[in-house]
Protein backbone atom coordinates (compact mmCIF):
# COMPACT_ATOMS: atom_id res chain seq x y z
CA UNK A 1 101.61 38.39 119.66
CA UNK A 2 101.12 38.86 123.28
CA UNK A 3 99.54 37.18 126.12
CA UNK A 4 98.77 38.11 129.85
CA UNK A 5 100.47 35.70 132.41
CA UNK A 6 99.46 32.61 130.42
CA UNK A 7 101.21 29.47 129.20
CA UNK A 8 101.85 29.86 125.35
CA UNK A 9 103.48 27.43 123.24
CA UNK A 10 105.42 27.96 119.88
CA UNK A 11 103.27 26.43 117.21
CA UNK A 12 106.58 25.58 115.42
CA UNK A 13 107.96 23.61 118.40
CA UNK A 14 106.84 20.15 119.48
CA UNK A 15 107.61 18.59 122.82
CA UNK A 16 106.94 20.45 125.99
CA UNK A 17 110.22 21.03 128.00
CA UNK A 18 109.08 23.46 130.77
CA UNK A 19 105.75 23.69 132.34
CA UNK A 20 105.14 26.34 135.04
CA UNK A 21 101.80 26.29 136.69
CA UNK A 22 100.43 28.81 139.20
CA UNK A 23 103.98 29.24 140.71
CA UNK A 24 104.65 31.78 143.60
CA UNK A 25 107.74 32.30 145.78
CA UNK A 26 107.68 34.13 148.95
CA UNK A 27 110.82 34.65 150.92
CA UNK A 28 110.80 34.76 154.80
CA UNK A 29 107.26 33.97 154.72
CA UNK A 30 105.02 35.19 157.70
CA UNK A 31 107.79 37.38 159.06
CA UNK A 32 108.21 41.14 159.00
CA UNK A 33 110.79 40.58 156.32
CA UNK A 34 108.44 38.79 153.95
CA UNK A 35 109.02 39.51 150.21
CA UNK A 36 106.73 38.10 147.41
CA UNK A 37 109.25 37.56 144.63
CA UNK A 38 106.90 35.82 142.31
CA UNK A 39 103.14 35.57 141.91
CA UNK A 40 101.11 33.16 139.96
CA UNK A 41 103.43 32.38 137.16
CA UNK A 42 102.23 30.24 134.20
CA UNK A 43 104.64 29.44 131.44
CA UNK A 44 105.25 26.77 128.85
CA UNK A 45 108.66 26.24 126.94
CA UNK A 46 108.75 23.82 124.12
CA UNK A 47 111.60 21.89 122.58
CA UNK A 48 114.12 24.03 120.60
CA UNK A 49 112.83 27.42 121.71
CA UNK A 50 115.06 30.21 122.79
CA UNK A 51 113.02 32.14 125.46
CA UNK A 52 114.29 35.25 127.20
CA UNK A 53 112.93 36.52 130.55
CA UNK A 54 113.24 40.28 130.81
CA UNK A 55 111.80 42.95 133.45
CA UNK A 56 112.75 45.44 135.93
CA UNK A 57 115.57 44.67 138.45
CA UNK A 58 114.26 42.68 141.19
CA UNK A 59 111.24 41.22 139.50
CA UNK A 60 112.20 37.72 139.96
CA UNK A 61 113.63 36.61 136.66
CA UNK A 62 116.68 34.75 138.31
CA UNK A 63 114.36 33.43 141.05
CA UNK A 64 112.15 31.80 138.28
CA UNK A 65 115.30 30.28 136.54
CA UNK A 66 116.47 28.94 140.06
CA UNK A 67 113.09 27.29 140.60
CA UNK A 68 113.28 25.49 137.22
CA UNK A 69 116.80 24.43 138.19
CA UNK A 70 115.63 23.12 141.52
CA UNK A 71 117.88 25.34 143.37
CA UNK A 72 115.15 26.81 145.35
CA UNK A 73 111.59 25.52 145.98
CA UNK A 74 108.25 27.35 145.20
CA UNK A 75 105.91 28.53 147.73
CA UNK A 76 102.93 27.55 145.74
CA UNK A 77 102.44 25.90 142.37
CA UNK A 78 104.22 23.21 140.37
CA UNK A 79 106.96 22.83 137.75
CA UNK A 80 107.67 20.02 135.28
CA UNK A 81 110.98 19.66 133.38
CA UNK A 82 110.58 17.12 130.61
CA UNK A 83 107.57 15.87 132.42
CA UNK A 84 109.49 15.36 135.70
CA UNK A 85 109.53 17.38 138.82
CA UNK A 86 112.63 19.70 139.02
CA UNK A 87 114.49 17.42 141.48
CA UNK A 88 114.19 14.54 139.27
CA UNK A 89 115.35 16.60 136.19
CA UNK A 90 118.25 17.69 138.16
CA UNK A 91 119.39 14.24 139.24
CA UNK A 92 118.90 13.08 135.62
CA UNK A 93 121.12 16.15 134.35
CA UNK A 94 118.44 17.32 132.02
CA UNK A 95 119.77 20.74 132.07
CA UNK A 96 123.00 22.83 132.11
CA UNK A 97 123.37 26.20 133.70
CA UNK A 98 125.38 29.20 133.12
CA UNK A 99 125.72 32.19 135.50
CA UNK A 100 126.92 35.82 134.90
CA UNK A 101 130.41 34.89 136.30
CA UNK A 102 132.06 31.96 134.54
CA UNK A 103 132.91 30.43 137.90
CA UNK A 104 136.01 28.57 136.63
CA UNK A 105 138.68 27.11 138.72
CA UNK A 106 141.85 29.04 138.21
CA UNK A 107 144.01 26.04 139.03
CA UNK A 108 142.57 23.75 136.49
CA UNK A 109 143.00 23.83 132.68
CA UNK A 110 140.15 24.78 130.46
CA UNK A 111 139.96 20.98 129.52
CA UNK A 112 139.84 20.09 133.31
CA UNK A 113 137.19 22.83 133.84
CA UNK A 114 134.89 21.47 131.32
CA UNK A 115 135.53 17.94 132.57
CA UNK A 116 134.51 18.80 136.13
CA UNK A 117 130.78 17.99 136.02
CA UNK A 118 131.55 14.90 134.08
CA UNK A 119 133.85 13.91 136.97
CA UNK A 120 131.20 14.29 139.40
CA UNK A 121 128.87 12.31 137.31
CA UNK A 122 131.62 9.62 137.36
CA UNK A 123 131.99 9.22 133.57
CA UNK A 124 135.12 7.43 132.55
CA UNK A 125 138.42 9.29 131.92
CA UNK A 126 138.29 8.70 128.00
CA UNK A 127 134.70 9.74 127.97
CA UNK A 128 135.31 12.94 129.94
CA UNK A 129 138.12 13.80 127.56
CA UNK A 130 136.10 13.18 124.43
CA UNK A 131 133.14 15.14 125.68
CA UNK A 132 135.09 17.95 126.86
CA UNK A 133 137.00 18.25 123.63
CA UNK A 134 133.74 18.08 121.68
CA UNK A 135 132.06 20.77 123.72
CA UNK A 136 135.14 23.03 123.37
CA UNK A 137 135.27 22.50 119.68
CA UNK A 138 131.51 23.57 119.61
CA UNK A 139 132.55 26.84 121.18
CA UNK A 140 135.52 27.10 119.12
CA UNK A 141 138.20 26.91 121.96
CA UNK A 142 139.53 23.30 121.16
CA UNK A 143 142.99 25.11 120.62
CA UNK A 144 142.95 26.46 124.30
CA UNK A 145 142.39 23.00 126.25
CA UNK A 146 145.84 23.42 128.15
CA UNK A 147 145.39 27.12 129.03
CA UNK A 148 144.19 28.30 132.42
CA UNK A 149 141.12 30.50 132.92
CA UNK A 150 143.22 33.63 133.88
CA UNK A 151 144.97 33.41 130.42
CA UNK A 152 141.57 33.91 128.64
CA UNK A 153 139.53 37.05 128.04
CA UNK A 154 136.16 37.33 129.75
CA UNK A 155 134.35 36.36 126.47
CA UNK A 156 136.55 33.30 126.17
CA UNK A 157 135.88 32.24 129.75
CA UNK A 158 132.14 32.42 129.33
CA UNK A 159 132.59 30.14 126.28
CA UNK A 160 134.30 27.67 128.53
CA UNK A 161 131.46 28.01 130.90
CA UNK A 162 129.12 27.26 128.20
CA UNK A 163 131.15 24.30 127.13
CA UNK A 164 131.10 22.94 130.62
CA UNK A 165 127.32 23.20 130.84
CA UNK A 166 126.92 21.42 127.35
CA UNK A 167 129.51 18.70 127.92
CA UNK A 168 126.94 16.09 129.35
CA UNK A 169 124.58 16.86 126.46
CA UNK A 170 121.53 18.23 128.40
CA UNK A 171 118.33 19.03 126.61
CA UNK A 172 117.84 22.39 128.28
CA UNK A 173 120.24 25.19 128.89
CA UNK A 174 119.45 27.85 131.66
CA UNK A 175 121.39 31.04 131.39
CA UNK A 176 121.35 33.88 134.02
CA UNK A 177 122.78 37.02 132.45
CA UNK A 178 125.81 35.24 131.22
CA UNK A 179 126.96 38.26 129.07
CA UNK A 180 126.05 41.02 131.52
CA UNK A 181 129.56 41.79 132.63
CA UNK A 182 131.09 41.86 129.08
CA UNK A 183 131.86 44.92 127.08
CA UNK A 184 129.30 45.80 124.23
CA UNK A 185 131.41 44.47 121.26
CA UNK A 186 132.23 41.25 123.08
CA UNK A 187 128.62 40.77 123.99
CA UNK A 188 127.44 41.10 120.54
CA UNK A 189 130.07 38.62 119.39
CA UNK A 190 128.85 36.17 122.18
CA UNK A 191 125.28 36.67 121.16
CA UNK A 192 126.24 35.45 117.55
CA UNK A 193 128.18 32.53 119.01
CA UNK A 194 125.29 31.45 121.30
CA UNK A 195 122.87 31.50 118.39
CA UNK A 196 125.24 29.41 116.32
CA UNK A 197 125.48 26.80 119.34
CA UNK A 198 121.82 26.89 119.78
CA UNK A 199 121.05 26.15 116.13
CA UNK A 200 123.70 23.40 115.88
CA UNK A 201 122.57 21.59 119.11
CA UNK A 202 118.85 22.25 118.89
CA UNK A 203 119.00 22.73 122.65
CA UNK A 204 116.23 24.53 124.46
CA UNK A 205 117.41 27.84 126.00
CA UNK A 206 115.90 29.86 128.92
CA UNK A 207 117.88 33.17 129.01
CA UNK A 208 117.78 36.06 131.61
CA UNK A 209 118.80 39.47 130.54
CA UNK A 210 118.25 43.03 131.28
CA UNK A 211 119.07 44.04 127.68
CA UNK A 212 115.95 44.61 125.35
CA UNK A 213 118.29 44.49 122.14
CA UNK A 214 119.91 41.35 123.29
CA UNK A 215 116.58 39.74 123.99
CA UNK A 216 115.06 40.58 120.69
CA UNK A 217 118.08 39.55 118.78
CA UNK A 218 118.42 36.04 120.44
CA UNK A 219 114.99 34.91 121.10
CA UNK A 220 112.08 33.21 119.56
CA UNK A 221 109.82 34.65 122.31
CA UNK A 222 110.48 37.18 124.88
CA UNK A 223 108.75 36.99 128.37
CA UNK A 224 108.13 40.42 129.99
CA UNK A 225 107.64 40.31 133.67
CA UNK A 226 106.28 43.11 136.07
CA UNK A 227 108.01 44.86 139.02
CA UNK A 228 107.94 42.88 142.21
CA UNK A 229 105.93 40.97 142.99
CA UNK A 230 107.12 39.33 139.58
CA UNK A 231 104.31 38.39 137.18
CA UNK A 232 104.25 37.70 133.53
CA UNK A 233 102.51 40.58 131.88
CA UNK A 234 103.14 39.94 128.26
CA UNK A 235 104.91 37.26 125.95
CA UNK A 236 106.05 38.66 122.53
CA UNK A 237 106.75 36.53 119.47
CA UNK A 238 110.03 37.44 117.76
CA UNK A 239 109.34 36.64 114.32
CA UNK A 240 112.76 37.86 112.81
CA UNK A 241 114.05 35.14 110.54
CA UNK A 242 116.89 32.82 111.42
CA UNK A 243 119.78 32.76 110.96
CA UNK A 244 120.34 36.10 112.72
CA UNK A 245 123.20 38.14 111.63
CA UNK A 246 124.65 41.61 112.42
CA UNK A 247 122.40 43.26 109.96
CA UNK A 248 119.50 41.90 111.58
CA UNK A 249 119.93 44.65 114.14
CA UNK A 250 119.41 47.27 111.48
CA UNK A 251 116.28 45.92 110.18
CA UNK A 252 112.96 47.84 110.66
CA UNK A 253 111.31 44.76 112.07
CA UNK A 254 114.04 44.58 114.69
CA UNK A 255 113.50 48.00 115.81
CA UNK A 256 109.73 47.48 115.80
CA UNK A 257 110.18 44.60 118.13
CA UNK A 258 112.52 46.51 120.45
CA UNK A 259 109.98 49.38 120.74
CA UNK A 260 107.25 46.98 121.53
CA UNK A 261 109.08 45.40 124.35
CA UNK A 262 110.41 48.72 125.62
CA UNK A 263 106.78 49.88 125.83
CA UNK A 264 105.57 46.83 127.47
CA UNK A 265 108.61 46.98 130.03
CA UNK A 266 107.57 50.60 130.74
CA UNK A 267 104.04 49.48 131.61
CA UNK A 268 105.49 46.60 133.70
CA UNK A 269 107.35 49.03 135.85
CA UNK A 270 103.96 50.42 136.87
CA UNK A 271 102.55 47.05 137.88
CA UNK A 272 103.20 45.34 141.15
């Protein structure tokens, strides 16, 4: 059920998508302001998994996600995405990324917001339209193509953001607290929507969250991280059956997993 800072694969998954080996990240190295954000991270994520990263604030969850996305570079260690270095994976558009804020452009319609990365990648006009409409249909917003972001609710804006990340059909979706700013009811609905999209696309997901219930409900595995310097202290398999529904949150097994992760997080606060 649990492992200590080790690469663990899902026996039901096949191809390796992410491999993190001995990765550390130090900010302001060799200065008085040096901060060790991550230390000796080892992790394997396989095709089709939904893996959540959870830990105390400032433990390096988002830093790890940004290392995978090639937005920052490791101080030590190596990462491979689909067998490539992160830079090559980024150039090849192997992943899409969704942040806590939807980061939509107010002056562009929903359709044009989703088309934006396709424009940058120089897809043809017709292919941009087709891919954007398909992605919006996937998140059930195909009737809002001509609306503007300011005309949508927060949850709908995040669905547009997810559609934008999926429009070029990446094999990996990186999500950095995408529902953290939403109210509880909307967040639960978005959890259901995300699981539906995940199952329909079979995309691999790495998801950062502070919410234990959210992590348990969504994930096939939960990675628990310690207080800074961030280390992986445990990995918990979430063996709740799919598809998961609202009633899943009322099951004894669900509460058991929530309590397991809560105890591990309590211990993780004391590590560092």
